[in-house]
Protein backbone atom coordinates (compact mmCIF):
# COMPACT_ATOMS: atom_id res chain seq x y z
CA SER A 1 112.21 92.39 129.68
CA ARG A 2 111.38 95.13 127.20
CA ALA A 3 113.30 96.03 124.05
CA VAL A 4 115.33 99.23 124.11
CA GLY A 5 113.07 102.13 123.20
CA ALA A 6 109.91 100.00 123.48
CA SER A 7 106.77 101.70 124.69
CA SER A 8 104.34 100.35 127.26
CA ARG A 9 101.47 101.48 125.03
CA PRO A 10 99.54 98.74 123.20
CA LEU A 11 100.58 98.10 119.62
CA LEU A 12 98.00 97.23 116.99
CA VAL A 13 99.27 95.02 114.15
CA PHE A 14 97.31 93.96 111.06
CA GLY A 15 98.34 90.82 109.17
CA LEU A 16 97.45 90.64 105.48
CA PRO A 17 97.70 87.81 102.92
CA GLY A 18 100.70 87.60 100.60
CA ASN A 19 98.69 87.72 97.37
CA PRO A 20 98.61 91.40 96.30
CA VAL A 21 94.94 91.37 95.23
CA SER A 22 93.90 89.49 98.38
CA ALA A 23 95.91 91.93 100.50
CA LEU A 24 94.19 94.92 98.90
CA VAL A 25 90.73 93.41 99.41
CA CYS A 26 91.46 92.46 103.03
CA PHE A 27 92.89 95.92 103.71
CA SER A 28 89.79 97.58 102.24
CA LEU A 29 87.39 95.35 104.18
CA THR A 30 89.12 95.25 107.58
CA VAL A 31 92.10 97.55 108.08
CA ALA A 32 90.76 100.75 106.50
CA PRO A 33 87.47 100.61 108.46
CA ALA A 34 89.39 99.92 111.69
CA LEU A 35 91.66 102.92 111.07
CA ARG A 36 88.66 105.12 110.23
CA ARG A 37 86.92 104.00 113.45
CA MET A 38 90.06 104.77 115.49
CA CYS A 39 90.10 108.25 113.91
CA GLY A 40 86.55 108.79 115.12
CA ARG A 41 84.72 108.64 111.82
CA PRO A 42 80.98 108.01 112.38
CA HIS A 43 80.67 105.73 109.33
CA PRO A 44 83.92 103.72 109.00
CA LEU A 45 82.70 101.03 106.60
CA PRO A 46 83.19 101.39 102.82
CA ARG A 47 80.37 103.13 101.00
CA ARG A 48 78.15 100.78 99.00
CA VAL A 49 76.53 101.70 95.72
CA PRO A 50 73.96 99.69 93.74
CA VAL A 51 75.44 97.99 90.66
CA VAL A 52 73.99 95.57 88.11
CA SER A 53 76.16 92.76 86.74
CA ALA A 54 76.49 92.71 82.95
CA SER A 55 76.45 88.88 83.00
CA PRO A 56 75.57 86.11 85.49
CA LEU A 57 78.26 85.19 88.03
CA ARG A 58 78.79 81.80 89.67
CA LEU A 59 79.72 82.39 93.29
CA ASP A 60 81.06 80.04 95.93
CA PRO A 61 78.12 79.10 98.22
CA GLU A 62 80.51 78.43 101.16
CA ARG A 63 82.14 81.85 101.51
CA PRO A 64 81.87 85.48 100.43
CA GLU A 65 83.56 86.34 97.16
CA TYR A 66 84.66 89.68 95.79
CA HIS A 67 84.71 89.80 91.99
CA ARG A 68 87.00 92.22 90.14
CA ALA A 69 85.07 94.24 87.59
CA THR A 70 85.04 97.48 85.66
CA LEU A 71 82.13 99.87 86.09
CA HIS A 72 80.29 101.63 83.31
CA VAL A 73 77.77 104.42 83.76
CA THR A 74 74.52 103.89 81.84
CA LYS A 75 71.22 105.76 81.79
CA SER A 76 69.79 103.20 84.23
CA GLY A 77 72.77 103.21 86.63
CA LEU A 78 76.11 101.47 87.11
CA VAL A 79 76.87 98.21 85.27
CA ALA A 80 79.75 95.93 86.31
CA THR A 81 81.63 93.91 83.71
CA SER A 82 83.91 91.08 84.90
CA THR A 83 87.64 91.48 84.31
CA GLY A 84 87.87 87.74 83.65
CA ARG A 85 89.05 84.75 85.69
CA GLN A 86 89.20 85.32 89.44
CA ILE A 87 91.65 82.65 90.62
CA SER A 88 93.64 84.22 93.47
CA SER A 89 92.70 81.41 95.87
CA ARG A 90 92.08 78.49 93.54
């Protein structure tokens, strides 16, 4: 049985984490590119720009990590400075 007013067309649903920062990152990495692809954009992935870290970062060797930072323009290019502790999943 079908709900009243339901369409036979497929429905695409994206599930995101409950943590606001995690949800924004997951949206940017998965949902936005998928929507861009569905709209026919030839390059749906986020644009990448080269950035140098202002200080060394310890990253988790088991999984990708995305570190919040502020960017500063210098004569030699963009420099990223950490916003501090990154504990959304720890």
